[in-house]
Amino acid sequence: MWLVNAFLSALIATLTSVLAKVGIVGVNSHLATATRTAVVLVLAWFIVYLTGSQSGLGEISRRSG
């Protein structure tokens, strides 16, 4: 399972760098950063559901962090 997570992490990093260099030309830097962050967030949640880890959400306490 760790191999799948490592591969998906590399894929997300690749997509983020591609968006940073090519995909968002002529756009305000704050909007570009928000767009890249949104892509990473969507892909991270995809990994959470793909691995079945969403059941751990209830175990997070309000004081953690």
Protein backbone atom coordinates (compact mmCIF):
# COMPACT_ATOMS: atom_id res chain seq x y z
CA MET A 1 0.00 0.00 0.00
CA TRP A 2 2.87 2.39 0.71
CA LEU A 3 3.99 2.02 -2.88
CA VAL A 4 0.61 3.23 -4.14
CA ASN A 5 0.73 6.22 -1.77
CA ALA A 6 4.26 7.08 -2.90
CA PHE A 7 3.23 6.92 -6.55
CA LEU A 8 0.16 9.09 -5.98
CA SER A 9 2.24 11.63 -4.04
CA ALA A 10 4.68 11.85 -6.92
CA LEU A 11 1.78 12.28 -9.35
CA ILE A 12 0.28 15.11 -7.28
CA ALA A 13 3.66 16.84 -7.03
CA THR A 14 4.06 16.57 -10.79
CA LEU A 15 0.62 18.00 -11.49
CA THR A 16 1.25 20.87 -9.08
CA SER A 17 4.56 21.79 -10.71
CA VAL A 18 3.04 21.60 -14.19
CA LEU A 19 0.27 23.96 -13.12
CA ALA A 20 2.83 26.27 -11.57
CA LYS A 21 5.00 26.50 -14.67
CA VAL A 22 2.73 26.13 -17.66
CA GLY A 23 -0.96 25.98 -16.94
CA ILE A 24 -1.56 29.36 -15.33
CA VAL A 25 0.03 32.07 -17.45
CA GLY A 26 -1.09 35.67 -17.11
CA VAL A 27 -3.16 35.05 -13.97
CA ASN A 28 -2.85 36.86 -10.65
CA SER A 29 -0.34 35.00 -8.46
CA HIS A 30 -2.82 34.66 -5.58
CA LEU A 31 -5.42 33.09 -7.86
CA ALA A 32 -2.80 30.76 -9.33
CA THR A 33 -1.72 29.64 -5.85
CA ALA A 34 -5.34 29.05 -4.83
CA THR A 35 -5.95 27.00 -7.97
CA ARG A 36 -2.91 24.80 -7.38
CA THR A 37 -3.91 24.35 -3.75
CA ALA A 38 -7.42 23.32 -4.78
CA VAL A 39 -6.01 20.70 -7.16
CA VAL A 40 -3.82 19.27 -4.39
CA LEU A 41 -6.76 19.26 -1.97
CA VAL A 42 -9.02 17.38 -4.38
CA LEU A 43 -6.34 14.80 -5.14
CA ALA A 44 -5.52 14.37 -1.43
CA TRP A 45 -9.16 13.61 -0.64
CA PHE A 46 -9.19 11.21 -3.59
CA ILE A 47 -6.31 9.32 -1.98
CA VAL A 48 -8.10 9.31 1.39
CA TYR A 49 -11.19 7.69 -0.16
CA LEU A 50 -9.14 5.39 -2.38
CA THR A 51 -7.33 3.96 0.65
CA GLY A 52 -10.46 3.85 2.82
CA SER A 53 -8.96 6.15 5.44
CA GLN A 54 -12.02 8.40 5.75
CA SER A 55 -13.28 6.31 8.67
CA GLY A 56 -10.53 7.90 10.81
CA LEU A 57 -12.13 11.35 10.60
CA GLY A 58 -14.19 10.71 13.71
CA GLU A 59 -11.06 9.91 15.72
CA ILE A 60 -9.63 13.42 15.34
CA SER A 61 -10.12 15.40 18.54
CA ARG A 62 -10.74 19.14 18.67
CA ARG A 63 -7.44 19.61 20.48
CA SER A 64 -5.31 17.83 17.90
CA GLY A 65 -3.27 19.95 15.61
